[in-house]
Amino acid sequence: MVRQKYEIFLSEATTDITNARDSKGLNECSESAKEGGKIAFHTRKEIEEKTGKKIVSEKNYLKLNEKKKLNLK
């Protein structure tokens, strides 16, 4: 549940930065994505620190990989 909220936050942060900067083209959008990723990374670390739980762990990472593989077929 927390992981899903984190993924939504990451995508929204990146979209908001891209829109605020009016990013156009691959290079500008890539920079916006990097900034969104940095914000989400620090947010994830803070959530993990406050809750004492990992958002991404070895247990749920394997499940994520399996889902991705299923979606690629």
Protein backbone atom coordinates (compact mmCIF):
# COMPACT_ATOMS: atom_id res chain seq x y z
CA MET A 1 0.00 0.00 0.00
CA VAL A 2 2.72 2.46 0.94
CA ARG A 3 4.72 1.43 -2.14
CA GLN A 4 1.75 2.23 -4.38
CA LYS A 5 1.39 5.66 -2.80
CA TYR A 6 5.13 6.21 -3.30
CA GLU A 7 4.90 5.32 -6.99
CA ILE A 8 2.00 7.75 -7.42
CA PHE A 9 3.97 10.46 -5.64
CA LEU A 10 6.98 9.88 -7.90
CA SER A 11 4.93 10.15 -11.05
CA GLU A 12 3.06 13.24 -9.84
CA ALA A 13 6.25 14.98 -8.69
CA THR A 14 7.87 14.38 -12.05
CA THR A 15 4.79 15.54 -13.96
CA ASP A 16 4.49 18.69 -11.84
CA ILE A 17 8.16 19.58 -12.38
CA THR A 18 7.89 18.94 -16.11
CA ASN A 19 4.81 21.14 -16.36
CA ALA A 20 6.20 23.92 -14.16
CA ARG A 21 9.37 24.10 -16.24
CA ASP A 22 7.42 23.68 -19.48
CA SER A 23 9.97 21.02 -20.40
CA LYS A 24 10.16 20.15 -24.07
CA GLY A 25 12.22 17.47 -25.74
CA LEU A 26 14.17 14.54 -24.41
CA ASN A 27 16.91 16.45 -22.58
CA GLU A 28 14.60 18.82 -20.69
CA CYS A 29 12.14 16.05 -19.80
CA SER A 30 15.02 13.85 -18.68
CA GLU A 31 16.23 16.58 -16.31
CA SER A 32 12.71 17.00 -14.91
CA ALA A 33 12.48 13.23 -14.37
CA LYS A 34 15.81 13.24 -12.52
CA GLU A 35 14.59 16.03 -10.23
CA GLY A 36 11.32 14.18 -9.57
CA GLY A 37 13.32 11.05 -8.80
CA LYS A 38 15.51 12.91 -6.30
CA ILE A 39 12.46 14.29 -4.51
CA ALA A 40 10.81 10.86 -4.41
CA PHE A 41 14.03 9.23 -3.18
CA HIS A 42 14.34 11.62 -0.26
CA THR A 43 10.63 11.26 0.48
CA ARG A 44 10.93 7.45 0.48
CA LYS A 45 13.88 7.59 2.86
CA GLU A 46 11.99 9.87 5.22
CA ILE A 47 8.88 7.66 5.18
CA GLU A 48 11.01 4.60 5.90
CA GLU A 49 12.74 6.42 8.74
CA LYS A 50 9.45 7.55 10.32
CA THR A 51 7.62 4.22 9.95
CA GLY A 52 10.53 1.87 10.48
CA LYS A 53 9.38 -0.10 7.41
CA LYS A 54 11.00 -0.47 4.01
CA ILE A 55 8.87 0.57 1.07
CA VAL A 56 10.84 -1.61 -1.32
CA SER A 57 12.20 -4.81 0.17
CA GLU A 58 13.61 -8.07 -1.11
CA LYS A 59 10.20 -9.66 -0.54
CA ASN A 60 8.10 -7.21 -2.53
CA TYR A 61 10.82 -6.49 -5.11
CA LEU A 62 10.52 -10.02 -6.44
CA LYS A 63 6.78 -9.57 -6.76
CA LEU A 64 7.32 -6.33 -8.66
CA ASN A 65 9.68 -8.04 -11.09
CA GLU A 66 7.23 -10.88 -11.69
CA LYS A 67 4.44 -8.39 -12.42
CA LYS A 68 6.63 -6.51 -14.87
CA LYS A 69 7.53 -9.74 -16.65
CA LEU A 70 3.86 -10.65 -16.91
CA ASN A 71 3.01 -7.23 -18.34
CA LEU A 72 5.72 -7.55 -21.00
CA LYS A 73 4.24 -10.77 -22.42
